[in-house]
Amino acid sequence: MTKQKLDIGIVGLGVMGRNLVLNIADHGFGAAGYDKDKSKVDLLREEAEDRPVGAADNVADFIDLLKTPRAVMMLVPAGPPVDSVIHDLLPHLQAGDLVIDGGNSHFPDTDLRAKTLAEKGILYLGVGISGGEEGARRGPSIMPGGTTEGYARVRDILEAAAAKVDGEPCVTYLGPGSAGHYVKMVHNGIEYGLMQLIAETYDLMKRGLGLTDEELHSVYSRWSKSELAGYLIEITAAIFERSDERTGNRLIDMIEDEAKQKGTGMWTSQDAMNLGVPTPTIDAAVLMRNLSAREDERHSASHALA
């Protein structure tokens, strides 16, 4: 922990937020964390050790930890929680401060928030972050959009914290307004499509060809070393070797056939239709998630038609 003024503040100390604070601090930048949940604040304090990290469970103390002009990143769920955080922050901010939304906000919401805050002289960035909890700790892919002035202020921090490929940081300025959140939305939509393709190949090989879990592991492992290589194929291969710690059963056989979603795939499909851009794989993936979510109806239909 430190008493010096810090370079950036993170609102929301779930696993993503806490990991990003520690990641930033590991690269020599001072980072402050804020959450209303005192247990999360205490956990950050414990993990911070001697890093340049501050933590607070109220907005006033959090803002006081930051250098001016301030840079504050929100890592909270999209929608009303973002507006609630902005509402709480505003009385403590000044013209020239920077607010960053690091969640999966819908791009029209980002444009509206940027316009509203610009009227108060506050800069705004919409930043997509990909890589999950582990990425936040070890290096995510970062997709910033918004004002060039705002990006210039935090560019060094984002580049330091981002994943590296061939020595280059996985971050680049994508454009004004909601460009960063738009790119993250499309990124997620593409991921929906890839996951649906993997699910269908699994079903065809498992039920259609009768392959065992060992054979499926072998197939996906080969694919992960071919032109099909990628993170999703890699973790698909790995799942066939995992067992449930409590029962000892194969984990793949215990997974519920119900896929959750947060909306980014649907938004991609909707905007593609508005623009007249065909995205049939993404469209089908969204529909299959909608169908899988209707578990009770599917089971009832299955019994009725059996």
Protein backbone atom coordinates (compact mmCIF):
# COMPACT_ATOMS: atom_id res chain seq x y z
CA MET A 1 0.00 0.00 0.00
CA THR A 2 1.11 3.58 -0.59
CA LYS A 3 0.32 7.12 0.51
CA GLN A 4 1.46 8.81 -2.71
CA LYS A 5 -1.05 10.15 -5.24
CA LEU A 6 -1.88 7.47 -7.79
CA ASP A 7 -2.09 7.43 -11.59
CA ILE A 8 -5.46 5.77 -12.13
CA GLY A 9 -8.45 4.59 -10.15
CA ILE A 10 -10.54 1.46 -10.70
CA VAL A 11 -14.19 1.34 -9.60
CA GLY A 12 -15.46 -2.20 -9.02
CA LEU A 13 -13.22 -4.66 -7.19
CA GLY A 14 -14.63 -7.94 -8.38
CA VAL A 15 -12.00 -10.35 -9.66
CA MET A 16 -11.56 -8.37 -12.92
CA GLY A 17 -11.16 -5.02 -11.19
CA ARG A 18 -8.87 -6.29 -8.45
CA ASN A 19 -6.68 -8.13 -10.95
CA LEU A 20 -6.38 -5.09 -13.18
CA VAL A 21 -5.32 -2.91 -10.23
CA LEU A 22 -2.56 -5.39 -9.39
CA ASN A 23 -1.54 -5.72 -13.05
CA ILE A 24 -1.18 -1.95 -13.43
CA ALA A 25 0.76 -1.69 -10.17
CA ASP A 26 3.10 -4.50 -11.24
CA HIS A 27 4.11 -2.32 -14.19
CA GLY A 28 5.13 0.61 -12.02
CA PHE A 29 1.98 2.74 -12.12
CA GLY A 30 0.05 3.73 -9.03
CA ALA A 31 -3.50 2.35 -8.97
CA ALA A 32 -6.37 2.92 -6.56
CA GLY A 33 -9.36 0.62 -6.13
CA TYR A 34 -12.85 1.47 -4.90
CA ASP A 35 -15.84 -0.68 -4.03
CA LYS A 36 -18.80 -0.22 -1.73
CA ASP A 37 -18.22 -3.76 -0.49
CA LYS A 38 -15.63 -3.38 2.27
CA SER A 39 -14.66 -7.06 2.07
CA LYS A 40 -13.49 -6.54 -1.51
CA VAL A 41 -11.52 -3.45 -0.49
CA ASP A 42 -9.88 -5.40 2.33
CA LEU A 43 -8.98 -8.22 -0.06
CA LEU A 44 -7.23 -5.76 -2.39
CA ARG A 45 -5.31 -4.31 0.54
CA GLU A 46 -4.16 -7.81 1.50
CA GLU A 47 -3.02 -8.72 -2.01
CA ALA A 48 -1.40 -5.34 -2.71
CA GLU A 49 1.50 -5.93 -0.29
CA ASP A 50 4.19 -3.35 -1.12
CA ARG A 51 2.82 -2.39 -4.55
CA PRO A 52 1.84 1.25 -5.32
CA VAL A 53 -1.82 0.57 -4.58
CA GLY A 54 -4.50 2.42 -2.63
CA ALA A 55 -7.99 1.25 -1.68
CA ALA A 56 -11.16 2.90 -0.43
CA ASP A 57 -14.77 1.99 0.34
CA ASN A 58 -16.19 5.49 -0.22
CA VAL A 59 -15.99 7.80 -3.21
CA ALA A 60 -14.48 10.82 -1.46
CA ASP A 61 -11.50 8.88 -0.10
CA PHE A 62 -11.07 7.12 -3.45
CA ILE A 63 -10.93 10.37 -5.42
CA ASP A 64 -8.52 11.84 -2.88
CA LEU A 65 -6.05 9.05 -3.70
CA LEU A 66 -5.69 10.18 -7.33
CA LYS A 67 -3.42 12.62 -9.11
CA THR A 68 -5.08 15.52 -10.91
CA PRO A 69 -6.37 15.63 -13.54
CA ARG A 70 -7.90 12.34 -12.50
CA ALA A 71 -8.35 9.14 -14.50
CA VAL A 72 -11.06 6.76 -13.28
CA MET A 73 -11.95 3.43 -14.91
CA MET A 74 -15.23 1.66 -14.17
CA LEU A 75 -15.34 -2.14 -14.24
CA VAL A 76 -18.99 -2.74 -13.43
CA PRO A 77 -21.84 -4.51 -15.28
CA ALA A 78 -23.27 -2.71 -18.31
CA GLY A 79 -26.46 -0.70 -18.03
CA PRO A 80 -27.80 1.05 -14.91
CA PRO A 81 -24.73 0.20 -12.76
CA VAL A 82 -22.56 2.35 -15.06
CA ASP A 83 -24.94 5.30 -14.78
CA SER A 84 -25.08 4.83 -11.01
CA VAL A 85 -21.29 4.96 -10.69
CA ILE A 86 -21.09 8.06 -12.89
CA HIS A 87 -23.78 9.71 -10.75
CA ASP A 88 -21.77 8.97 -7.60
CA LEU A 89 -18.49 10.17 -9.13
CA LEU A 90 -19.69 13.43 -10.67
CA PRO A 91 -19.84 15.57 -7.49
CA HIS A 92 -16.17 14.73 -6.88
CA LEU A 93 -14.87 15.31 -10.43
CA GLN A 94 -13.71 18.46 -12.18
CA ALA A 95 -13.44 19.63 -15.77
CA GLY A 96 -10.46 17.92 -17.37
CA ASP A 97 -10.87 14.67 -15.46
CA LEU A 98 -11.19 11.41 -17.41
CA VAL A 99 -13.80 8.68 -16.94
CA ILE A 100 -13.29 5.29 -18.60
CA ASP A 101 -15.92 2.58 -19.02
CA GLY A 102 -14.08 -0.74 -19.14
CA GLY A 103 -17.22 -2.89 -19.26
CA ASN A 104 -19.35 -4.26 -22.10
CA SER A 105 -21.63 -1.24 -22.53
CA HIS A 106 -23.85 -1.00 -25.60
CA PHE A 107 -22.24 1.50 -27.96
CA PRO A 108 -25.22 3.94 -28.15
CA ASP A 109 -25.10 4.22 -24.35
CA THR A 110 -21.39 5.03 -24.54
CA ASP A 111 -22.01 7.79 -27.08
CA LEU A 112 -24.73 9.31 -24.90
CA ARG A 113 -22.59 9.21 -21.75
CA ALA A 114 -19.64 10.74 -23.58
CA LYS A 115 -21.83 13.59 -24.83
CA THR A 116 -23.34 14.21 -21.39
CA LEU A 117 -19.96 14.31 -19.65
CA ALA A 118 -18.38 16.44 -22.39
CA GLU A 119 -20.90 19.15 -21.52
CA LYS A 120 -19.32 19.20 -18.05
CA GLY A 121 -15.79 19.27 -19.45
CA ILE A 122 -15.09 15.66 -18.49
CA LEU A 123 -13.34 13.35 -20.97
CA TYR A 124 -14.76 9.88 -21.65
CA LEU A 125 -13.38 6.65 -23.08
CA GLY A 126 -15.27 3.45 -23.89
CA VAL A 127 -12.76 0.62 -23.58
CA GLY A 128 -13.34 -3.01 -24.45
CA ILE A 129 -11.30 -5.48 -22.39
CA SER A 130 -10.90 -9.11 -23.46
CA GLY A 131 -9.21 -11.94 -21.65
CA GLY A 132 -11.35 -12.51 -18.59
CA GLU A 133 -10.08 -12.69 -15.04
CA GLU A 134 -6.70 -14.17 -15.95
CA GLY A 135 -6.24 -11.64 -18.74
CA ALA A 136 -6.92 -8.76 -16.37
CA ARG A 137 -4.13 -10.04 -14.12
CA ARG A 138 -1.56 -11.13 -16.70
CA GLY A 139 -2.41 -8.98 -19.71
CA PRO A 140 -5.71 -8.44 -21.56
CA SER A 141 -6.46 -7.26 -25.07
CA ILE A 142 -7.61 -3.65 -24.74
CA MET A 143 -9.83 -1.79 -27.23
CA PRO A 144 -10.02 1.95 -26.44
CA GLY A 145 -12.22 4.50 -28.16
CA GLY A 146 -13.18 8.07 -27.36
CA THR A 147 -11.32 11.35 -27.20
CA THR A 148 -7.72 11.34 -28.38
CA GLU A 149 -6.84 13.59 -25.44
CA GLY A 150 -8.23 11.06 -23.00
CA TYR A 151 -6.45 8.16 -24.68
CA ALA A 152 -3.12 10.00 -24.70
CA ARG A 153 -3.42 10.47 -20.95
CA VAL A 154 -3.69 6.74 -20.19
CA ARG A 155 -1.94 5.24 -23.21
CA ASP A 156 1.23 4.32 -21.33
CA ILE A 157 -0.77 2.61 -18.57
CA LEU A 158 -2.90 0.62 -21.02
CA GLU A 159 0.08 -0.44 -23.12
CA ALA A 160 1.99 -1.57 -20.04
CA ALA A 161 -0.92 -3.61 -18.67
CA ALA A 162 -1.96 -5.18 -22.00
CA ALA A 163 -0.95 -8.59 -23.31
CA LYS A 164 2.07 -8.65 -25.60
CA VAL A 165 2.44 -10.45 -28.93
CA ASP A 166 5.89 -10.41 -30.53
CA GLY A 167 6.77 -7.70 -28.02
CA GLU A 168 3.94 -5.41 -29.10
CA PRO A 169 1.07 -4.48 -26.73
CA CYS A 170 -2.41 -5.72 -27.65
CA VAL A 171 -3.93 -2.24 -27.53
CA THR A 172 -4.51 0.47 -30.12
CA TYR A 173 -6.70 3.54 -30.35
CA LEU A 174 -9.74 2.57 -32.43
CA GLY A 175 -11.49 5.87 -33.04
CA PRO A 176 -13.77 8.49 -31.52
CA GLY A 177 -16.93 8.02 -29.50
CA SER A 178 -17.96 4.43 -28.89
CA ALA A 179 -15.51 2.85 -31.37
CA GLY A 180 -13.82 0.79 -28.66
CA HIS A 181 -17.06 -0.67 -27.35
CA TYR A 182 -18.28 -1.30 -30.89
CA VAL A 183 -15.17 -3.33 -31.72
CA LYS A 184 -15.53 -5.29 -28.46
CA MET A 185 -19.17 -5.98 -29.32
CA VAL A 186 -18.23 -7.39 -32.73
CA HIS A 187 -15.34 -9.32 -31.16
CA ASN A 188 -17.80 -10.96 -28.78
CA GLY A 189 -20.25 -11.65 -31.61
CA ILE A 190 -17.55 -13.47 -33.57
CA GLU A 191 -16.70 -15.43 -30.43
CA TYR A 192 -20.37 -16.47 -30.14
CA GLY A 193 -20.15 -17.86 -33.66
CA LEU A 194 -16.94 -19.76 -32.97
CA MET A 195 -18.33 -21.26 -29.79
CA GLN A 196 -21.46 -22.40 -31.62
CA LEU A 197 -19.31 -24.05 -34.30
CA ILE A 198 -17.33 -25.88 -31.62
CA ALA A 199 -20.56 -27.00 -29.92
CA GLU A 200 -21.89 -28.37 -33.20
CA THR A 201 -18.68 -30.23 -34.05
CA TYR A 202 -18.75 -31.78 -30.58
CA ASP A 203 -22.36 -32.88 -31.01
CA LEU A 204 -21.73 -34.35 -34.45
CA MET A 205 -18.67 -36.30 -33.31
CA LYS A 206 -20.09 -37.36 -29.93
CA ARG A 207 -23.60 -38.39 -30.93
CA GLY A 208 -23.25 -38.81 -34.69
CA LEU A 209 -19.90 -40.59 -34.90
CA GLY A 210 -19.91 -42.06 -31.40
CA LEU A 211 -16.44 -40.79 -30.50
CA THR A 212 -15.28 -41.28 -26.92
CA ASP A 213 -14.05 -38.43 -24.74
CA GLU A 214 -10.47 -39.65 -25.26
CA GLU A 215 -10.94 -39.57 -29.03
CA LEU A 216 -12.53 -36.11 -28.86
CA HIS A 217 -9.58 -34.86 -26.81
CA SER A 218 -7.25 -36.19 -29.51
CA VAL A 219 -9.23 -34.50 -32.32
CA TYR A 220 -9.38 -31.08 -30.67
CA SER A 221 -5.72 -31.33 -29.64
CA ARG A 222 -4.77 -31.91 -33.29
CA TRP A 223 -6.94 -28.99 -34.35
CA SER A 224 -5.25 -26.76 -31.78
CA LYS A 225 -1.95 -27.34 -33.58
CA SER A 226 -3.36 -26.70 -37.07
CA GLU A 227 -4.75 -23.73 -38.98
CA LEU A 228 -7.72 -23.99 -36.60
CA ALA A 229 -5.49 -23.14 -33.62
CA GLY A 230 -6.87 -20.67 -31.10
CA TYR A 231 -7.70 -20.23 -27.45
CA LEU A 232 -11.22 -21.66 -27.74
CA ILE A 233 -10.03 -24.84 -29.46
CA GLU A 234 -7.21 -25.17 -26.93
CA ILE A 235 -9.52 -25.05 -23.90
CA THR A 236 -12.02 -27.33 -25.63
CA ALA A 237 -9.30 -29.97 -25.96
CA ALA A 238 -8.37 -29.53 -22.30
CA ILE A 239 -11.90 -29.96 -20.93
CA PHE A 240 -11.98 -33.65 -21.89
CA GLU A 241 -9.20 -34.35 -19.39
CA ARG A 242 -10.81 -32.50 -16.48
CA SER A 243 -12.70 -34.26 -13.71
CA ASP A 244 -15.10 -32.84 -11.16
CA GLU A 245 -13.30 -32.54 -7.81
CA ARG A 246 -16.33 -33.63 -5.77
CA THR A 247 -17.64 -36.57 -7.76
CA GLY A 248 -14.68 -37.64 -9.86
CA ASN A 249 -16.91 -37.66 -12.95
CA ARG A 250 -15.75 -36.15 -16.21
CA LEU A 251 -16.52 -32.44 -16.17
CA ILE A 252 -17.71 -32.45 -19.78
CA ASP A 253 -20.57 -34.77 -18.84
CA MET A 254 -21.73 -32.53 -15.98
CA ILE A 255 -22.10 -29.28 -17.91
CA GLU A 256 -25.70 -28.07 -18.19
CA ASP A 257 -26.93 -27.63 -21.77
CA GLU A 258 -27.95 -24.05 -21.04
CA ALA A 259 -25.82 -21.20 -22.44
CA LYS A 260 -25.97 -17.82 -20.74
CA GLN A 261 -25.40 -14.52 -22.55
CA LYS A 262 -24.88 -10.87 -21.66
CA GLY A 263 -26.19 -9.33 -24.87
CA THR A 264 -23.13 -8.48 -26.95
CA GLY A 265 -23.78 -11.23 -29.49
CA MET A 266 -27.39 -10.12 -29.85
CA TRP A 267 -26.29 -6.49 -30.30
CA THR A 268 -23.85 -7.57 -33.02
CA SER A 269 -26.58 -9.44 -34.85
CA GLN A 270 -29.06 -6.58 -34.49
CA ASP A 271 -26.65 -3.93 -35.74
CA ALA A 272 -25.54 -6.12 -38.63
CA MET A 273 -29.19 -6.42 -39.68
CA ASN A 274 -29.65 -2.65 -39.36
CA LEU A 275 -26.63 -2.15 -41.63
CA GLY A 276 -27.62 -4.87 -44.08
CA VAL A 277 -24.50 -6.90 -43.32
CA PRO A 278 -25.08 -10.68 -43.41
CA THR A 279 -23.77 -12.45 -40.30
CA PRO A 280 -25.61 -15.79 -40.43
CA THR A 281 -23.20 -17.68 -38.18
CA ILE A 282 -23.53 -15.10 -35.41
CA ASP A 283 -27.31 -14.89 -35.90
CA ALA A 284 -27.64 -18.66 -35.54
CA ALA A 285 -25.38 -18.69 -32.48
CA VAL A 286 -27.54 -16.10 -30.72
CA LEU A 287 -30.71 -18.01 -31.57
CA MET A 288 -29.24 -21.26 -30.24
CA ARG A 289 -28.38 -19.54 -26.95
CA ASN A 290 -31.92 -18.24 -26.74
CA LEU A 291 -33.22 -21.75 -27.37
CA SER A 292 -30.87 -23.36 -24.86
CA ALA A 293 -31.99 -20.90 -22.17
CA ARG A 294 -35.55 -22.26 -22.42
CA GLU A 295 -34.60 -25.37 -20.48
CA ASP A 296 -38.02 -26.14 -18.99
CA GLU A 297 -39.77 -25.75 -22.34
CA ARG A 298 -37.22 -27.95 -24.09
CA HIS A 299 -37.58 -30.70 -21.51
CA SER A 300 -41.39 -30.53 -21.70
CA ALA A 301 -41.29 -30.75 -25.49
CA SER A 302 -38.81 -33.62 -25.31
CA HIS A 303 -41.13 -35.64 -23.07
CA ALA A 304 -44.19 -34.80 -25.17
CA LEU A 305 -42.52 -35.83 -28.42
CA ALA A 306 -40.61 -38.84 -27.11
